[in-house]
Amino acid sequence: MRHEQVLDALGAAIANGSLAPGTVLRSEDLQERFGASRTVAREVVRVLETMQLTTSKRRVGVIVREPAAWNHYDPRLIRWQLDGPARPAALATLNELRSAIEPCAARFAALRATPEERGRLGALGERLARTARARDLPAFLDFDIAFHDLLLTASRNPMFGQLSEVVAEVLTGRTGHGLMPPEPQPEAVALHAEVAAAVAAGDADRAERAMRDIVVQARDEIAALVAEGPSDGE
């Protein structure tokens, strides 16, 4: 198996609890289990250690760490969690993070964005509206990711900016797992336009309020769809 295939299989097994904390992984076992070379097995272990999912001990092997030690901001870990049975809990946690960060990012974007960024945000809002009406969810997703990435970047807070990949994984996972309606809600699309207009006007309170409404609506919408059960054939 290729490096990425082994990494996804092993990482997902750790993320969904199939490989419990304290489990010892040996290179020879990984080679046999996945039909991987020694080089691939070592590289996969190295990546898992950088993600803080595992740690190595001499004469013991590679040990799966407790979830509290994991790098929960790593986009790959988020993807594995959203792909597994812990999806509802992962979505709830990620929405709490978005609720705490994105309204503040919108406030600071209204105060700090460049004229060019304000214009681009408005253009992305228009593209979101157009693709929503066309029920073109893949294109809508691309513009939605770009919108939130730009907003976080325009806040001029580098720590907010580095959450762009986290938000992108949430938005991607939501679409990929059937947790989006066939046509994005007009209210949500209108709120994105409201955020863009508030940022363009430099109205920090209005931008923060509109972005908070977006994440609250997304939270409630996802909760309702999760309660109905999977719609992506799982």
Protein backbone atom coordinates (compact mmCIF):
# COMPACT_ATOMS: atom_id res chain seq x y z
CA MET A 1 0.00 0.00 0.00
CA ARG A 2 1.06 3.58 -0.63
CA HIS A 3 2.06 5.95 2.16
CA GLU A 4 -1.18 7.96 2.13
CA GLN A 5 -3.34 4.82 2.13
CA VAL A 6 -1.53 3.37 5.15
CA LEU A 7 -1.61 6.73 6.95
CA ASP A 8 -5.36 7.13 6.36
CA ALA A 9 -6.13 3.56 7.46
CA LEU A 10 -4.00 3.71 10.59
CA GLY A 11 -4.90 7.28 11.51
CA ALA A 12 -8.62 6.59 11.12
CA ALA A 13 -8.31 3.51 13.31
CA ILE A 14 -6.75 5.63 16.06
CA ALA A 15 -9.21 8.50 15.60
CA ASN A 16 -12.29 6.25 15.81
CA GLY A 17 -10.99 4.22 18.76
CA SER A 18 -10.35 0.93 16.97
CA LEU A 19 -6.77 1.28 18.15
CA ALA A 20 -7.24 2.32 21.76
CA PRO A 21 -4.84 4.48 23.77
CA GLY A 22 -1.97 2.37 25.02
CA THR A 23 -1.99 0.08 21.99
CA VAL A 24 1.56 -0.78 20.91
CA LEU A 25 2.32 -0.63 17.20
CA ARG A 26 5.44 -2.32 15.85
CA SER A 27 6.91 -1.60 12.45
CA GLU A 28 6.96 -5.28 11.54
CA ASP A 29 3.26 -5.64 12.37
CA LEU A 30 2.39 -2.59 10.26
CA GLN A 31 4.35 -3.96 7.33
CA GLU A 32 2.51 -7.26 7.55
CA ARG A 33 -0.93 -5.75 8.19
CA PHE A 34 -0.82 -3.28 5.32
CA GLY A 35 1.60 -4.97 2.97
CA ALA A 36 3.80 -1.89 3.25
CA SER A 37 7.54 -1.52 2.99
CA ARG A 38 9.68 -0.71 6.00
CA THR A 39 10.25 2.79 4.61
CA VAL A 40 6.49 3.44 4.28
CA ALA A 41 5.80 2.07 7.78
CA ARG A 42 8.47 4.31 9.31
CA GLU A 43 7.24 7.39 7.45
CA VAL A 44 3.65 6.77 8.57
CA VAL A 45 4.77 6.42 12.18
CA ARG A 46 6.75 9.65 11.86
CA VAL A 47 3.67 11.54 10.62
CA LEU A 48 1.48 10.12 13.40
CA GLU A 49 4.04 11.26 15.95
CA THR A 50 4.08 14.80 14.51
CA MET A 51 0.28 14.77 14.90
CA GLN A 52 0.83 13.66 18.51
CA LEU A 53 -1.36 10.59 18.00
CA THR A 54 1.50 8.27 18.97
CA THR A 55 4.76 8.32 20.87
CA SER A 56 7.78 6.03 20.67
CA LYS A 57 9.54 4.29 23.55
CA ARG A 58 12.76 2.32 23.24
CA ARG A 59 12.35 -1.42 23.58
CA VAL A 60 8.57 -0.98 23.60
CA GLY A 61 7.51 0.40 20.25
CA VAL A 62 5.07 3.02 19.03
CA ILE A 63 2.27 3.68 21.53
CA VAL A 64 -1.12 5.24 20.79
CA ARG A 65 -1.57 8.32 22.97
CA GLU A 66 -4.62 9.47 24.90
CA PRO A 67 -6.96 11.77 22.90
CA ALA A 68 -6.15 14.70 25.19
CA ALA A 69 -2.61 14.69 23.80
CA TRP A 70 -3.59 14.73 20.11
CA ASN A 71 -3.21 17.78 17.87
CA HIS A 72 -6.92 18.35 17.38
CA TYR A 73 -6.27 21.19 14.94
CA ASP A 74 -4.66 18.90 12.38
CA PRO A 75 -6.94 18.81 9.30
CA ARG A 76 -6.21 15.12 8.72
CA LEU A 77 -7.38 14.19 12.21
CA ILE A 78 -10.53 16.26 11.72
CA ARG A 79 -11.19 14.45 8.43
CA TRP A 80 -10.76 11.03 10.05
CA GLN A 81 -13.09 11.95 12.90
CA LEU A 82 -15.74 13.27 10.52
CA ASP A 83 -15.48 10.07 8.48
CA GLY A 84 -16.05 7.85 11.53
CA PRO A 85 -18.62 7.04 14.19
CA ALA A 86 -17.58 10.03 16.31
CA ARG A 87 -18.85 12.43 13.64
CA PRO A 88 -21.69 14.02 15.71
CA ALA A 89 -19.35 14.72 18.65
CA ALA A 90 -16.64 16.02 16.32
CA LEU A 91 -19.09 18.33 14.56
CA ALA A 92 -20.33 19.67 17.90
CA THR A 93 -16.78 20.39 19.05
CA LEU A 94 -15.84 22.05 15.78
CA ASN A 95 -18.96 24.20 15.78
CA GLU A 96 -18.12 25.36 19.29
CA LEU A 97 -14.70 26.39 18.01
CA ARG A 98 -16.20 28.23 15.06
CA SER A 99 -18.68 30.00 17.35
CA ALA A 100 -15.83 31.25 19.50
CA ILE A 101 -13.51 32.35 16.70
CA GLU A 102 -15.31 33.35 13.51
CA PRO A 103 -17.54 36.14 14.89
CA CYS A 104 -14.41 37.75 16.39
CA ALA A 105 -12.58 37.29 13.09
CA ALA A 106 -15.43 39.03 11.28
CA ARG A 107 -15.24 41.94 13.73
CA PHE A 108 -11.53 42.39 13.17
CA ALA A 109 -11.87 41.95 9.40
CA ALA A 110 -14.31 44.88 9.38
CA LEU A 111 -11.66 46.96 11.12
CA ARG A 112 -8.53 45.71 9.36
CA ALA A 113 -9.32 44.34 5.88
CA THR A 114 -7.75 46.02 2.88
CA PRO A 115 -9.99 47.59 0.22
CA GLU A 116 -9.07 44.73 -2.11
CA GLU A 117 -10.08 42.13 0.49
CA ARG A 118 -13.38 43.89 1.12
CA GLY A 119 -14.13 43.78 -2.60
CA ARG A 120 -13.18 40.11 -2.90
CA LEU A 121 -15.38 39.19 0.05
CA GLY A 122 -18.35 40.87 -1.60
CA ALA A 123 -17.65 39.07 -4.88
CA LEU A 124 -17.50 35.73 -3.07
CA GLY A 125 -20.84 36.50 -1.41
CA GLU A 126 -22.37 37.04 -4.84
CA ARG A 127 -20.92 33.77 -6.14
CA LEU A 128 -22.32 31.93 -3.13
CA ALA A 129 -25.78 33.28 -3.93
CA ARG A 130 -25.50 32.29 -7.58
CA THR A 131 -24.29 28.74 -6.96
CA ALA A 132 -26.86 28.25 -4.18
CA ARG A 133 -29.70 29.10 -6.56
CA ALA A 134 -28.22 26.69 -9.12
CA ARG A 135 -27.96 23.95 -6.45
CA ASP A 136 -24.33 23.52 -7.45
CA LEU A 137 -23.04 22.23 -4.10
CA PRO A 138 -19.43 21.53 -5.22
CA ALA A 139 -19.01 25.08 -6.53
CA PHE A 140 -20.84 26.48 -3.50
CA LEU A 141 -18.42 24.61 -1.24
CA ASP A 142 -15.39 26.04 -3.04
CA PHE A 143 -16.68 29.60 -2.69
CA ASP A 144 -17.73 29.01 0.93
CA ILE A 145 -14.23 27.80 1.84
CA ALA A 146 -12.71 30.79 0.05
CA PHE A 147 -15.10 33.18 1.86
CA HIS A 148 -14.23 31.91 5.33
CA ASP A 149 -10.52 31.68 4.52
CA LEU A 150 -10.47 35.30 3.39
CA LEU A 151 -12.42 36.45 6.43
CA LEU A 152 -10.02 34.72 8.84
CA THR A 153 -7.00 36.08 6.96
CA ALA A 154 -8.41 39.61 6.79
CA SER A 155 -8.72 39.66 10.58
CA ARG A 156 -4.92 40.16 10.59
CA ASN A 157 -4.71 37.75 13.52
CA PRO A 158 -2.29 35.02 12.38
CA MET A 159 -3.71 32.55 14.91
CA PHE A 160 -7.18 33.01 13.40
CA GLY A 161 -5.70 32.71 9.93
CA GLN A 162 -4.18 29.33 10.73
CA LEU A 163 -7.65 27.97 11.48
CA SER A 164 -8.61 28.24 7.80
CA GLU A 165 -7.79 24.59 7.14
CA VAL A 166 -9.86 23.53 10.15
CA VAL A 167 -12.90 25.44 8.91
CA ALA A 168 -12.34 24.07 5.39
CA GLU A 169 -12.44 20.49 6.71
CA VAL A 170 -15.68 21.21 8.58
CA LEU A 171 -17.31 22.66 5.48
CA THR A 172 -16.00 19.86 3.26
CA GLY A 173 -17.08 17.15 5.68
CA ARG A 174 -20.51 18.69 6.04
CA THR A 175 -21.08 18.54 2.28
CA GLY A 176 -19.38 15.18 1.79
CA HIS A 177 -21.50 13.48 4.43
CA GLY A 178 -24.85 14.79 3.25
CA LEU A 179 -25.24 17.34 6.03
CA MET A 180 -26.13 20.13 3.62
CA PRO A 181 -29.62 20.63 2.19
CA PRO A 182 -29.87 20.19 -1.63
CA GLU A 183 -30.13 23.95 -1.90
CA PRO A 184 -28.25 26.01 0.70
CA GLN A 185 -30.65 27.91 2.93
CA PRO A 186 -31.42 31.39 1.54
CA GLU A 187 -31.07 32.81 5.05
CA ALA A 188 -27.52 31.48 5.36
CA VAL A 189 -26.58 32.84 1.93
CA ALA A 190 -28.06 36.22 2.84
CA LEU A 191 -26.07 36.25 6.08
CA HIS A 192 -22.83 35.76 4.13
CA ALA A 193 -23.76 38.76 2.02
CA GLU A 194 -24.51 40.66 5.23
CA VAL A 195 -21.06 39.84 6.62
CA ALA A 196 -19.44 41.00 3.37
CA ALA A 197 -21.43 44.25 3.39
CA ALA A 198 -20.59 44.92 7.04
CA VAL A 199 -16.89 44.31 6.42
CA ALA A 200 -17.02 46.60 3.38
CA ALA A 201 -18.63 49.30 5.51
CA GLY A 202 -16.19 48.82 8.38
CA ASP A 203 -19.10 48.02 10.73
CA ALA A 204 -17.51 45.68 13.27
CA ASP A 205 -20.62 45.09 15.40
CA ARG A 206 -22.74 44.23 12.38
CA ALA A 207 -20.09 41.89 10.95
CA GLU A 208 -19.69 40.05 14.25
CA ARG A 209 -23.45 39.69 14.69
CA ALA A 210 -24.01 38.34 11.18
CA MET A 211 -21.18 35.83 11.46
CA ARG A 212 -22.48 34.62 14.80
CA ASP A 213 -25.85 34.07 13.16
CA ILE A 214 -24.14 32.01 10.43
CA VAL A 215 -22.41 29.62 12.82
CA VAL A 216 -25.51 29.27 15.00
CA GLN A 217 -27.66 28.45 11.99
CA ALA A 218 -25.07 25.93 10.75
CA ARG A 219 -24.97 24.29 14.17
CA ASP A 220 -28.74 23.93 14.34
CA GLU A 221 -29.01 22.74 10.74
CA ILE A 222 -26.34 20.07 11.21
CA ALA A 223 -27.89 18.89 14.48
CA ALA A 224 -31.25 18.44 12.78
CA LEU A 225 -29.75 16.51 9.86
CA VAL A 226 -27.66 14.29 12.15
CA ALA A 227 -30.80 13.50 14.15
CA GLU A 228 -32.57 12.42 10.96
CA GLY A 229 -29.80 9.94 10.20
CA PRO A 230 -27.20 9.68 7.43
CA SER A 231 -28.25 10.61 3.93
CA ASP A 232 -25.01 9.68 2.14
CA GLY A 233 -25.62 5.97 1.91
CA GLU A 234 -23.81 4.99 5.08
